[in-house]
Amino acid sequence: MVCGHIAHALNGPAPRVGFYWGDDSDLARPDAWCQRCEADLVALDGADSGDWFDAAGFKVFCAACWDEARDLCGSPAQG
């Protein structure tokens, strides 16, 4: 899954919105989010992230699309 900002950026002219993902998963392609969502997540300072997840508008991506989003949206970064 990727946040809605990443999903929509793939259809726009300037897709470099950033690409972050959590390191608490053993999945090859864990949930990923953009720089804006990263800032919102950091601002939670450990509080429940359920509302953040809902607001981010996560979309399901296949593995190939996840890889494309990572490559187009910015340098891979660990969240």
Protein backbone atom coordinates (compact mmCIF):
# COMPACT_ATOMS: atom_id res chain seq x y z
CA MET A 1 0.00 0.00 0.00
CA VAL A 2 1.08 3.57 -0.69
CA CYS A 3 -0.41 6.86 0.46
CA GLY A 4 -2.76 8.64 -1.89
CA HIS A 5 -0.22 11.39 -2.56
CA ILE A 6 2.21 8.87 -4.03
CA ALA A 7 -0.56 7.15 -5.97
CA HIS A 8 -1.67 10.44 -7.53
CA ALA A 9 1.87 11.68 -8.12
CA LEU A 10 2.47 8.87 -10.60
CA ASN A 11 -0.08 10.48 -12.92
CA GLY A 12 1.28 14.03 -12.60
CA PRO A 13 4.16 15.97 -14.12
CA ALA A 14 6.31 16.18 -10.96
CA PRO A 15 6.13 12.91 -9.03
CA ARG A 16 8.98 13.54 -6.56
CA VAL A 17 6.84 13.69 -3.42
CA GLY A 18 9.24 11.54 -1.40
CA PHE A 19 9.06 7.87 -0.52
CA TYR A 20 9.24 6.57 3.05
CA TRP A 21 8.36 3.22 4.59
CA GLY A 22 8.40 1.71 8.03
CA ASP A 23 11.15 -0.64 9.15
CA ASP A 24 8.93 -2.59 11.52
CA SER A 25 7.72 -5.00 8.86
CA ASP A 26 9.25 -8.09 7.34
CA LEU A 27 7.41 -7.47 4.07
CA ALA A 28 9.47 -6.95 0.92
CA ARG A 29 7.27 -3.94 0.08
CA PRO A 30 5.73 -2.49 3.25
CA ASP A 31 3.29 0.41 3.40
CA ALA A 32 4.89 3.55 1.98
CA TRP A 33 4.13 7.26 2.26
CA CYS A 34 5.28 10.64 0.95
CA GLN A 35 7.27 13.43 2.59
CA ARG A 36 4.08 15.28 3.59
CA CYS A 37 2.68 12.17 5.30
CA GLU A 38 6.06 11.57 6.95
CA ALA A 39 5.94 15.04 8.51
CA ASP A 40 2.41 14.36 9.77
CA LEU A 41 3.50 11.00 11.20
CA VAL A 42 6.51 12.50 12.97
CA ALA A 43 4.25 15.21 14.44
CA LEU A 44 2.20 12.47 16.14
CA ASP A 45 5.23 11.84 18.38
CA GLY A 46 4.24 8.27 19.14
CA ALA A 47 0.47 8.84 19.41
CA ASP A 48 -1.98 6.47 17.72
CA SER A 49 -1.55 6.57 13.94
CA GLY A 50 -4.98 5.24 12.98
CA ASP A 51 -6.34 8.64 11.98
CA TRP A 52 -3.08 9.40 10.14
CA PHE A 53 -3.45 6.19 8.15
CA ASP A 54 -7.04 7.05 7.22
CA ALA A 55 -6.15 10.63 6.23
CA ALA A 56 -3.26 9.42 4.04
CA GLY A 57 -5.73 7.62 1.79
CA PHE A 58 -3.66 4.49 1.27
CA LYS A 59 -4.10 2.62 -2.02
CA VAL A 60 -3.22 -0.99 -2.81
CA PHE A 61 -0.32 -1.32 -5.26
CA CYS A 62 1.10 -4.45 -6.81
CA ALA A 63 4.83 -5.11 -6.33
CA ALA A 64 5.77 -3.71 -9.75
CA CYS A 65 3.81 -0.49 -9.15
CA TRP A 66 5.32 -0.13 -5.65
CA ASP A 67 8.79 -0.37 -7.20
CA GLU A 68 7.89 2.17 -9.89
CA ALA A 69 6.52 4.56 -7.26
CA ARG A 70 9.71 4.22 -5.20
CA ASP A 71 11.83 4.99 -8.25
CA LEU A 72 9.73 7.94 -9.45
CA CYS A 73 8.75 9.57 -6.18
CA GLY A 74 12.17 10.00 -4.66
CA SER A 75 15.19 8.35 -3.24
CA PRO A 76 14.35 5.30 -1.16
CA ALA A 77 14.27 6.24 2.51
CA GLN A 78 13.55 4.39 5.67
CA GLY A 79 10.78 5.95 7.74
